Amino acid sequence: AALAFCQLHICSGLELSIDSFCLKFFKEMDIEEAIQEWNMVQANLRKVSNQCSGSFFLTAAACFASMLLLAGRVLQDPAIMQDWRQTALWLGWLYPPTLFFFYAMLRAAAVTEKAGRVGPLVNSWNLQESDDAPSVDVDRQYVVQYINQSQAGFFMKGVR
């Protein structure tokens, strides 16, 4: 449970770094600085998710082993599920870590989803200062393509 709690905080921090990038870019509207900042955010996402992927796999293995242990115990003695105290004991220690794990995975997927929405968000902004400028902003399109093609997100062992 403590490991899943740390994973949740790490994923929340990664989401906040994406939010911080978007807010800073929206305030300053500086394309060159935004590209440099996105490089930092993307590198941070890759490095942190790569370092955390082992703990996610460890948590998944522990949850799976716990479920196998319960299944083996039930197959060995089916009467164990008839006693509500035994059932509550088994489920009481089995479900919380499993639910924490699934919630941590959901938050990791939310990081990838949020990173995927940055390009369309930037595309909706008007980066040109004059109203008589053409409607297609080449610099904005460059930044949007750069962000989209960076494929930033939460990677676990190279899988997004």
N, C-alpha and C. Protein backbone atom coordinates (compact mmCIF):
# COMPACT_ATOMS: atom_id res chain seq x y z
N ALA A 1 0.83 -1.19 0.00
CA ALA A 1 0.00 0.00 0.00
C ALA A 1 0.87 1.25 0.00
N ALA A 2 1.97 1.22 0.73
CA ALA A 2 2.86 2.37 0.77
C ALA A 2 3.51 2.61 -0.59
N LEU A 3 3.86 1.54 -1.27
CA LEU A 3 4.45 1.67 -2.60
C LEU A 3 3.45 2.27 -3.58
N ALA A 4 2.21 1.81 -3.53
CA ALA A 4 1.17 2.36 -4.41
C ALA A 4 0.91 3.82 -4.08
N PHE A 5 0.99 4.18 -2.81
CA PHE A 5 0.81 5.57 -2.40
C PHE A 5 1.92 6.44 -2.99
N CYS A 6 3.15 5.95 -2.97
CA CYS A 6 4.26 6.69 -3.59
C CYS A 6 4.07 6.80 -5.09
N GLN A 7 3.60 5.73 -5.71
CA GLN A 7 3.35 5.76 -7.16
C GLN A 7 2.28 6.78 -7.50
N LEU A 8 1.25 6.87 -6.67
CA LEU A 8 0.19 7.86 -6.90
C LEU A 8 0.74 9.27 -6.83
N HIS A 9 1.59 9.53 -5.86
CA HIS A 9 2.17 10.86 -5.74
C HIS A 9 3.10 11.18 -6.90
N ILE A 10 3.85 10.22 -7.36
CA ILE A 10 4.73 10.44 -8.51
C ILE A 10 3.91 10.75 -9.76
N CYS A 11 2.85 10.00 -9.98
CA CYS A 11 1.99 10.24 -11.15
C CYS A 11 1.31 11.61 -11.05
N SER A 12 0.90 11.99 -9.86
CA SER A 12 0.30 13.31 -9.68
C SER A 12 1.31 14.41 -9.97
N GLY A 13 2.55 14.20 -9.54
CA GLY A 13 3.59 15.17 -9.85
C GLY A 13 3.86 15.29 -11.34
N LEU A 14 3.82 14.17 -12.04
CA LEU A 14 4.02 14.22 -13.50
C LEU A 14 2.87 14.97 -14.19
N GLU A 15 1.66 14.75 -13.70
CA GLU A 15 0.52 15.49 -14.25
C GLU A 15 0.67 16.98 -13.99
N LEU A 16 1.14 17.32 -12.81
CA LEU A 16 1.34 18.74 -12.48
C LEU A 16 2.43 19.38 -13.34
N SER A 17 3.44 18.61 -13.71
CA SER A 17 4.48 19.17 -14.58
C SER A 17 3.91 19.48 -15.97
N ILE A 18 3.00 18.66 -16.45
CA ILE A 18 2.35 18.95 -17.74
C ILE A 18 1.46 20.18 -17.60
N ASP A 19 0.70 20.26 -16.51
CA ASP A 19 -0.14 21.43 -16.27
C ASP A 19 0.69 22.70 -16.17
N SER A 20 1.82 22.60 -15.49
CA SER A 20 2.71 23.76 -15.33
C SER A 20 3.24 24.23 -16.68
N PHE A 21 3.61 23.28 -17.54
CA PHE A 21 4.07 23.64 -18.88
C PHE A 21 2.98 24.40 -19.64
N CYS A 22 1.77 23.86 -19.61
CA CYS A 22 0.67 24.49 -20.35
C CYS A 22 0.38 25.89 -19.81
N LEU A 23 0.37 26.04 -18.51
CA LEU A 23 0.09 27.35 -17.91
C LEU A 23 1.18 28.35 -18.24
N LYS A 24 2.44 27.93 -18.14
CA LYS A 24 3.55 28.83 -18.44
C LYS A 24 3.56 29.23 -19.91
N PHE A 25 3.29 28.29 -20.78
CA PHE A 25 3.26 28.59 -22.21
C PHE A 25 2.11 29.54 -22.54
N PHE A 26 0.97 29.32 -21.90
CA PHE A 26 -0.18 30.19 -22.14
C PHE A 26 0.08 31.61 -21.66
N LYS A 27 0.75 31.75 -20.54
CA LYS A 27 1.04 33.08 -20.00
C LYS A 27 2.05 33.83 -20.84
N GLU A 28 3.12 33.14 -21.24
CA GLU A 28 4.23 33.82 -21.90
C GLU A 28 4.13 33.81 -23.43
N MET A 29 3.52 32.79 -24.00
CA MET A 29 3.38 32.65 -25.45
C MET A 29 4.72 32.75 -26.19
N ASP A 30 5.76 32.26 -25.57
CA ASP A 30 7.10 32.27 -26.16
C ASP A 30 7.38 30.88 -26.74
N ILE A 31 7.43 30.79 -28.05
CA ILE A 31 7.54 29.51 -28.73
C ILE A 31 8.89 28.84 -28.47
N GLU A 32 9.97 29.60 -28.56
CA GLU A 32 11.30 29.00 -28.35
C GLU A 32 11.44 28.46 -26.93
N GLU A 33 10.98 29.24 -25.96
CA GLU A 33 11.06 28.78 -24.58
C GLU A 33 10.13 27.58 -24.35
N ALA A 34 8.99 27.57 -25.02
CA ALA A 34 8.06 26.45 -24.86
C ALA A 34 8.66 25.16 -25.39
N ILE A 35 9.39 25.23 -26.48
CA ILE A 35 10.01 24.03 -27.03
C ILE A 35 11.06 23.49 -26.07
N GLN A 36 11.87 24.40 -25.51
CA GLN A 36 12.86 23.97 -24.52
C GLN A 36 12.20 23.38 -23.27
N GLU A 37 11.13 24.04 -22.84
CA GLU A 37 10.40 23.56 -21.66
C GLU A 37 9.77 22.19 -21.93
N TRP A 38 9.21 22.00 -23.13
CA TRP A 38 8.61 20.71 -23.46
C TRP A 38 9.66 19.61 -23.50
N ASN A 39 10.87 19.95 -23.97
CA ASN A 39 11.96 18.97 -23.94
C ASN A 39 12.23 18.51 -22.51
N MET A 40 12.21 19.45 -21.57
CA MET A 40 12.45 19.11 -20.17
C MET A 40 11.30 18.26 -19.61
N VAL A 41 10.07 18.64 -19.93
CA VAL A 41 8.91 17.88 -19.44
C VAL A 41 8.94 16.47 -20.02
N GLN A 42 9.19 16.37 -21.30
CA GLN A 42 9.23 15.06 -21.95
C GLN A 42 10.34 14.19 -21.38
N ALA A 43 11.53 14.77 -21.18
CA ALA A 43 12.63 14.00 -20.61
C ALA A 43 12.31 13.57 -19.17
N ASN A 44 11.67 14.45 -18.43
CA ASN A 44 11.27 14.13 -17.07
C ASN A 44 10.25 12.99 -17.05
N LEU A 45 9.27 13.05 -17.94
CA LEU A 45 8.27 11.98 -18.03
C LEU A 45 8.92 10.64 -18.35
N ARG A 46 9.82 10.65 -19.32
CA ARG A 46 10.47 9.40 -19.72
C ARG A 46 11.34 8.83 -18.60
N LYS A 47 12.14 9.69 -17.98
CA LYS A 47 13.07 9.22 -16.96
C LYS A 47 12.32 8.70 -15.72
N VAL A 48 11.35 9.48 -15.25
CA VAL A 48 10.62 9.08 -14.05
C VAL A 48 9.80 7.82 -14.30
N SER A 49 9.11 7.77 -15.44
CA SER A 49 8.30 6.58 -15.72
C SER A 49 9.18 5.34 -15.92
N ASN A 50 10.34 5.51 -16.51
CA ASN A 50 11.26 4.39 -16.68
C ASN A 50 11.75 3.90 -15.32
N GLN A 51 12.04 4.82 -14.41
CA GLN A 51 12.51 4.43 -13.09
C GLN A 51 11.40 3.78 -12.26
N CYS A 52 10.15 4.22 -12.47
CA CYS A 52 9.03 3.69 -11.68
C CYS A 52 8.43 2.42 -12.25
N SER A 53 8.75 2.08 -13.47
CA SER A 53 8.10 0.93 -14.09
C SER A 53 8.41 -0.36 -13.35
N GLY A 54 9.58 -0.49 -12.79
CA GLY A 54 9.91 -1.68 -12.03
C GLY A 54 9.02 -1.84 -10.80
N SER A 55 8.75 -0.72 -10.13
CA SER A 55 7.89 -0.80 -8.95
C SER A 55 6.45 -1.13 -9.33
N PHE A 56 6.00 -0.67 -10.50
CA PHE A 56 4.67 -1.04 -10.97
C PHE A 56 4.59 -2.54 -11.25
N PHE A 57 5.62 -3.08 -11.87
CA PHE A 57 5.63 -4.52 -12.14
C PHE A 57 5.73 -5.32 -10.84
N LEU A 58 6.49 -4.83 -9.89
CA LEU A 58 6.59 -5.49 -8.60
C LEU A 58 5.24 -5.51 -7.89
N THR A 59 4.54 -4.39 -7.91
CA THR A 59 3.22 -4.32 -7.29
C THR A 59 2.24 -5.24 -8.00
N ALA A 60 2.29 -5.27 -9.32
CA ALA A 60 1.41 -6.16 -10.08
C ALA A 60 1.70 -7.62 -9.75
N ALA A 61 2.97 -7.97 -9.65
CA ALA A 61 3.33 -9.35 -9.32
C ALA A 61 2.85 -9.72 -7.92
N ALA A 62 2.97 -8.80 -6.98
CA ALA A 62 2.51 -9.07 -5.62
C ALA A 62 1.00 -9.27 -5.57
N CYS A 63 0.27 -8.44 -6.30
CA CYS A 63 -1.20 -8.58 -6.34
C CYS A 63 -1.59 -9.90 -6.99
N PHE A 64 -0.92 -10.24 -8.07
CA PHE A 64 -1.22 -11.50 -8.76
C PHE A 64 -0.89 -12.70 -7.88
N ALA A 65 0.24 -12.65 -7.18
CA ALA A 65 0.62 -13.74 -6.29
C ALA A 65 -0.39 -13.87 -5.14
N SER A 66 -0.88 -12.74 -4.64
CA SER A 66 -1.88 -12.79 -3.57
C SER A 66 -3.16 -13.44 -4.05
N MET A 67 -3.57 -13.10 -5.26
CA MET A 67 -4.79 -13.71 -5.80
C MET A 67 -4.60 -15.21 -6.05
N LEU A 68 -3.41 -15.60 -6.51
CA LEU A 68 -3.13 -17.02 -6.69
C LEU A 68 -3.12 -17.75 -5.36
N LEU A 69 -2.60 -17.11 -4.34
CA LEU A 69 -2.60 -17.71 -3.01
C LEU A 69 -4.02 -17.93 -2.52
N LEU A 70 -4.87 -16.94 -2.71
CA LEU A 70 -6.27 -17.08 -2.31
C LEU A 70 -6.96 -18.18 -3.12
N ALA A 71 -6.72 -18.20 -4.43
CA ALA A 71 -7.34 -19.23 -5.27
C ALA A 71 -6.86 -20.62 -4.87
N GLY A 72 -5.59 -20.77 -4.57
CA GLY A 72 -5.07 -22.06 -4.13
C GLY A 72 -5.66 -22.49 -2.80
N ARG A 73 -5.82 -21.53 -1.91
CA ARG A 73 -6.42 -21.83 -0.59
C ARG A 73 -7.88 -22.25 -0.73
N VAL A 74 -8.61 -21.57 -1.62
CA VAL A 74 -10.03 -21.91 -1.83
C VAL A 74 -10.15 -23.28 -2.49
N LEU A 75 -9.28 -23.57 -3.45
CA LEU A 75 -9.32 -24.89 -4.10
C LEU A 75 -8.94 -26.00 -3.12
N GLN A 76 -8.04 -25.69 -2.21
CA GLN A 76 -7.61 -26.66 -1.22
C GLN A 76 -8.68 -26.93 -0.18
N ASP A 77 -9.35 -25.88 0.25
CA ASP A 77 -10.38 -26.00 1.30
C ASP A 77 -11.55 -25.08 0.94
N PRO A 78 -12.53 -25.55 0.13
CA PRO A 78 -13.65 -24.70 -0.27
C PRO A 78 -14.50 -24.21 0.90
N ALA A 79 -14.43 -24.88 2.01
CA ALA A 79 -15.23 -24.48 3.17
C ALA A 79 -14.74 -23.17 3.78
N ILE A 80 -13.54 -22.74 3.40
CA ILE A 80 -12.99 -21.50 3.97
C ILE A 80 -13.85 -20.29 3.60
N MET A 81 -14.50 -20.37 2.45
CA MET A 81 -15.35 -19.25 2.03
C MET A 81 -16.71 -19.26 2.72
N GLN A 82 -17.02 -20.33 3.44
CA GLN A 82 -18.29 -20.39 4.17
C GLN A 82 -18.23 -19.59 5.46
N ASP A 83 -17.06 -19.50 6.06
CA ASP A 83 -16.88 -18.75 7.29
C ASP A 83 -16.65 -17.28 6.93
N TRP A 84 -17.53 -16.41 7.39
CA TRP A 84 -17.44 -15.00 7.00
C TRP A 84 -16.21 -14.33 7.59
N ARG A 85 -15.71 -14.82 8.73
CA ARG A 85 -14.51 -14.22 9.32
C ARG A 85 -13.28 -14.51 8.48
N GLN A 86 -13.19 -15.75 8.02
CA GLN A 86 -12.07 -16.13 7.15
C GLN A 86 -12.13 -15.38 5.82
N THR A 87 -13.33 -15.26 5.27
CA THR A 87 -13.49 -14.54 4.01
C THR A 87 -13.12 -13.07 4.18
N ALA A 88 -13.59 -12.46 5.26
CA ALA A 88 -13.27 -11.05 5.52
C ALA A 88 -11.78 -10.86 5.73
N LEU A 89 -11.13 -11.80 6.40
CA LEU A 89 -9.69 -11.72 6.63
C LEU A 89 -8.92 -11.79 5.31
N TRP A 90 -9.28 -12.76 4.49
CA TRP A 90 -8.59 -12.91 3.20
C TRP A 90 -8.82 -11.70 2.30
N LEU A 91 -10.07 -11.30 2.19
CA LEU A 91 -10.37 -10.17 1.30
C LEU A 91 -9.87 -8.85 1.88
N GLY A 92 -9.78 -8.75 3.19
CA GLY A 92 -9.31 -7.54 3.84
C GLY A 92 -7.85 -7.24 3.56
N TRP A 93 -7.05 -8.27 3.41
CA TRP A 93 -5.65 -8.01 3.10
C TRP A 93 -5.36 -8.12 1.61
N LEU A 94 -6.29 -8.70 0.86
CA LEU A 94 -6.06 -8.87 -0.58
C LEU A 94 -6.54 -7.67 -1.39
N TYR A 95 -7.73 -7.16 -1.11
CA TYR A 95 -8.31 -6.13 -1.96
C TYR A 95 -7.68 -4.74 -1.84
N PRO A 96 -7.35 -4.23 -0.67
CA PRO A 96 -6.78 -2.87 -0.64
C PRO A 96 -5.52 -2.70 -1.49
N PRO A 97 -4.50 -3.58 -1.38
CA PRO A 97 -3.34 -3.39 -2.26
C PRO A 97 -3.69 -3.51 -3.75
N THR A 98 -4.61 -4.42 -4.05
CA THR A 98 -5.00 -4.59 -5.46
C THR A 98 -5.72 -3.35 -5.98
N LEU A 99 -6.60 -2.80 -5.18
CA LEU A 99 -7.30 -1.58 -5.59
C LEU A 99 -6.33 -0.40 -5.71
N PHE A 100 -5.38 -0.30 -4.78
CA PHE A 100 -4.36 0.75 -4.86
C PHE A 100 -3.54 0.60 -6.15
N PHE A 101 -3.21 -0.64 -6.48
CA PHE A 101 -2.44 -0.88 -7.70
C PHE A 101 -3.22 -0.44 -8.94
N PHE A 102 -4.49 -0.84 -9.01
CA PHE A 102 -5.29 -0.46 -10.18
C PHE A 102 -5.49 1.06 -10.24
N TYR A 103 -5.64 1.69 -9.11
CA TYR A 103 -5.78 3.15 -9.11
C TYR A 103 -4.47 3.82 -9.53
N ALA A 104 -3.34 3.29 -9.10
CA ALA A 104 -2.05 3.84 -9.52
C ALA A 104 -1.86 3.67 -11.02
N MET A 105 -2.28 2.54 -11.56
CA MET A 105 -2.20 2.34 -13.02
C MET A 105 -3.10 3.32 -13.76
N LEU A 106 -4.26 3.58 -13.20
CA LEU A 106 -5.18 4.55 -13.79
C LEU A 106 -4.55 5.94 -13.81
N ARG A 107 -3.88 6.31 -12.74
CA ARG A 107 -3.23 7.62 -12.68
C ARG A 107 -2.06 7.69 -13.67
N ALA A 108 -1.34 6.59 -13.85
CA ALA A 108 -0.25 6.56 -14.82
C ALA A 108 -0.80 6.72 -16.23
N ALA A 109 -1.93 6.08 -16.50
CA ALA A 109 -2.56 6.24 -17.81
C ALA A 109 -3.07 7.66 -17.99
N ALA A 110 -3.48 8.30 -16.90
CA ALA A 110 -3.95 9.69 -16.99
C ALA A 110 -2.81 10.63 -17.37
N VAL A 111 -1.59 10.31 -16.96
CA VAL A 111 -0.43 11.12 -17.35
C VAL A 111 -0.27 11.08 -18.87
N THR A 112 -0.35 9.89 -19.43
CA THR A 112 -0.22 9.74 -20.88
C THR A 112 -1.36 10.46 -21.61
N GLU A 113 -2.56 10.33 -21.08
CA GLU A 113 -3.72 10.98 -21.69
C GLU A 113 -3.58 12.50 -21.65
N LYS A 114 -3.12 13.01 -20.53
CA LYS A 114 -2.95 14.46 -20.41
C LYS A 114 -1.86 14.96 -21.35
N ALA A 115 -0.77 14.21 -21.48
CA ALA A 115 0.30 14.59 -22.40
C ALA A 115 -0.20 14.56 -23.84
N GLY A 116 -1.11 13.66 -24.15
CA GLY A 116 -1.66 13.59 -25.50
C GLY A 116 -2.59 14.75 -25.83
N ARG A 117 -3.10 15.41 -24.82
CA ARG A 117 -4.02 16.54 -25.05
C ARG A 117 -3.32 17.89 -25.13
N VAL A 118 -2.03 17.92 -24.88
CA VAL A 118 -1.31 19.20 -24.89
C VAL A 118 -1.28 19.79 -26.30
N GLY A 119 -1.02 18.96 -27.30
CA GLY A 119 -0.98 19.45 -28.69
C GLY A 119 -2.28 20.11 -29.12
N PRO A 120 -3.44 19.45 -28.96
CA PRO A 120 -4.70 20.10 -29.32
C PRO A 120 -4.98 21.36 -28.50
N LEU A 121 -4.54 21.38 -27.26
CA LEU A 121 -4.73 22.58 -26.44
C LEU A 121 -3.93 23.75 -27.00
N VAL A 122 -2.67 23.50 -27.32
CA VAL A 122 -1.82 24.56 -27.89
C VAL A 122 -2.37 24.98 -29.25
N ASN A 123 -2.91 24.06 -30.00
CA ASN A 123 -3.48 24.38 -31.31
C ASN A 123 -4.66 25.33 -31.21
N SER A 124 -5.34 25.34 -30.08
CA SER A 124 -6.50 26.22 -29.92
C SER A 124 -6.12 27.65 -29.55
N TRP A 125 -4.86 27.90 -29.23
CA TRP A 125 -4.44 29.24 -28.82
C TRP A 125 -4.06 30.07 -30.02
N ASN A 126 -4.28 31.36 -29.92
CA ASN A 126 -3.87 32.31 -30.95
C ASN A 126 -2.55 32.91 -30.50
N LEU A 127 -1.46 32.51 -31.14
CA LEU A 127 -0.14 32.98 -30.75
C LEU A 127 0.26 34.26 -31.46
N GLN A 128 -0.49 34.65 -32.47
CA GLN A 128 -0.18 35.88 -33.19
C GLN A 128 -0.83 37.06 -32.48
N GLU A 129 -0.12 38.18 -32.51
CA GLU A 129 -0.59 39.34 -31.76
C GLU A 129 -1.53 40.23 -32.55
N SER A 130 -1.46 40.22 -33.86
CA SER A 130 -2.32 41.11 -34.64
C SER A 130 -3.53 40.35 -35.16
N ASP A 131 -4.63 41.10 -35.35
CA ASP A 131 -5.86 40.48 -35.83
C ASP A 131 -5.87 40.29 -37.33
N ASP A 132 -5.04 41.05 -38.06
CA ASP A 132 -5.05 40.94 -39.52
C ASP A 132 -4.08 39.87 -40.03
N ALA A 133 -3.51 39.11 -39.15
CA ALA A 133 -2.59 38.05 -39.54
C ALA A 133 -3.37 36.89 -40.15
N PRO A 134 -2.72 36.06 -40.97
CA PRO A 134 -3.42 34.91 -41.55
C PRO A 134 -3.89 33.95 -40.45
N SER A 135 -4.94 33.22 -40.78
CA SER A 135 -5.55 32.34 -39.78
C SER A 135 -4.68 31.12 -39.46
N VAL A 136 -3.79 30.74 -40.37
CA VAL A 136 -2.91 29.61 -40.13
C VAL A 136 -1.59 30.14 -39.59
N ASP A 137 -1.29 29.78 -38.37
CA ASP A 137 -0.06 30.21 -37.72
C ASP A 137 0.97 29.09 -37.86
N VAL A 138 1.99 29.33 -38.67
CA VAL A 138 2.99 28.31 -38.97
C VAL A 138 3.78 27.95 -37.71
N ASP A 139 4.12 28.94 -36.90
CA ASP A 139 4.87 28.66 -35.68
C ASP A 139 4.06 27.81 -34.71
N ARG A 140 2.79 28.12 -34.59
CA ARG A 140 1.93 27.33 -33.71
C ARG A 140 1.84 25.89 -34.22
N GLN A 141 1.68 25.72 -35.52
CA GLN A 141 1.60 24.39 -36.09
C GLN A 141 2.90 23.61 -35.87
N TYR A 142 4.03 24.33 -35.92
CA TYR A 142 5.31 23.68 -35.66
C TYR A 142 5.36 23.16 -34.21
N VAL A 143 4.94 23.99 -33.27
CA VAL A 143 4.96 23.58 -31.87
C VAL A 143 4.00 22.42 -31.64
N VAL A 144 2.83 22.47 -32.24
CA VAL A 144 1.85 21.39 -32.08
C VAL A 144 2.41 20.08 -32.65
N GLN A 145 3.00 20.14 -33.83
CA GLN A 145 3.60 18.94 -34.42
C GLN A 145 4.75 18.42 -33.57
N TYR A 146 5.54 19.34 -33.04
CA TYR A 146 6.67 18.95 -32.20
C TYR A 146 6.19 18.23 -30.95
N ILE A 147 5.15 18.76 -30.33
CA ILE A 147 4.60 18.15 -29.11
C ILE A 147 3.96 16.80 -29.43
N ASN A 148 3.19 16.75 -30.49
CA ASN A 148 2.51 15.49 -30.85
C ASN A 148 3.50 14.40 -31.25
N GLN A 149 4.52 14.77 -31.99
CA GLN A 149 5.47 13.77 -32.45
C GLN A 149 6.46 13.35 -31.37
N SER A 150 6.49 14.08 -30.27
CA SER A 150 7.38 13.69 -29.18
C SER A 150 6.87 12.44 -28.46
N GLN A 151 5.56 12.15 -28.59
CA GLN A 151 4.96 10.95 -27.99
C GLN A 151 5.27 10.87 -26.49
N ALA A 152 5.11 12.00 -25.80
CA ALA A 152 5.36 12.02 -24.37
C ALA A 152 4.26 11.28 -23.64
N GLY A 153 4.60 10.71 -22.51
CA GLY A 153 3.63 9.99 -21.69
C GLY A 153 4.33 9.12 -20.68
N PHE A 154 3.57 8.28 -20.04
CA PHE A 154 4.11 7.38 -19.03
C PHE A 154 4.46 6.07 -19.72
N PHE A 155 5.73 5.75 -19.78
CA PHE A 155 6.21 4.56 -20.45
C PHE A 155 6.63 3.52 -19.41
N MET A 156 6.16 2.29 -19.60
CA MET A 156 6.58 1.19 -18.73
C MET A 156 7.34 0.19 -19.57
N LYS A 157 8.64 0.15 -19.35
CA LYS A 157 9.54 -0.72 -20.11
C LYS A 157 9.41 -0.46 -21.62
N GLY A 158 9.31 0.80 -21.98
CA GLY A 158 9.25 1.20 -23.38
C GLY A 158 7.88 1.17 -24.01
N VAL A 159 6.86 0.77 -23.28
CA VAL A 159 5.50 0.71 -23.81
C VAL A 159 4.71 1.87 -23.24
N ARG A 160 4.05 2.60 -24.11
CA ARG A 160 3.29 3.78 -23.69
C ARG A 160 1.95 3.39 -23.17
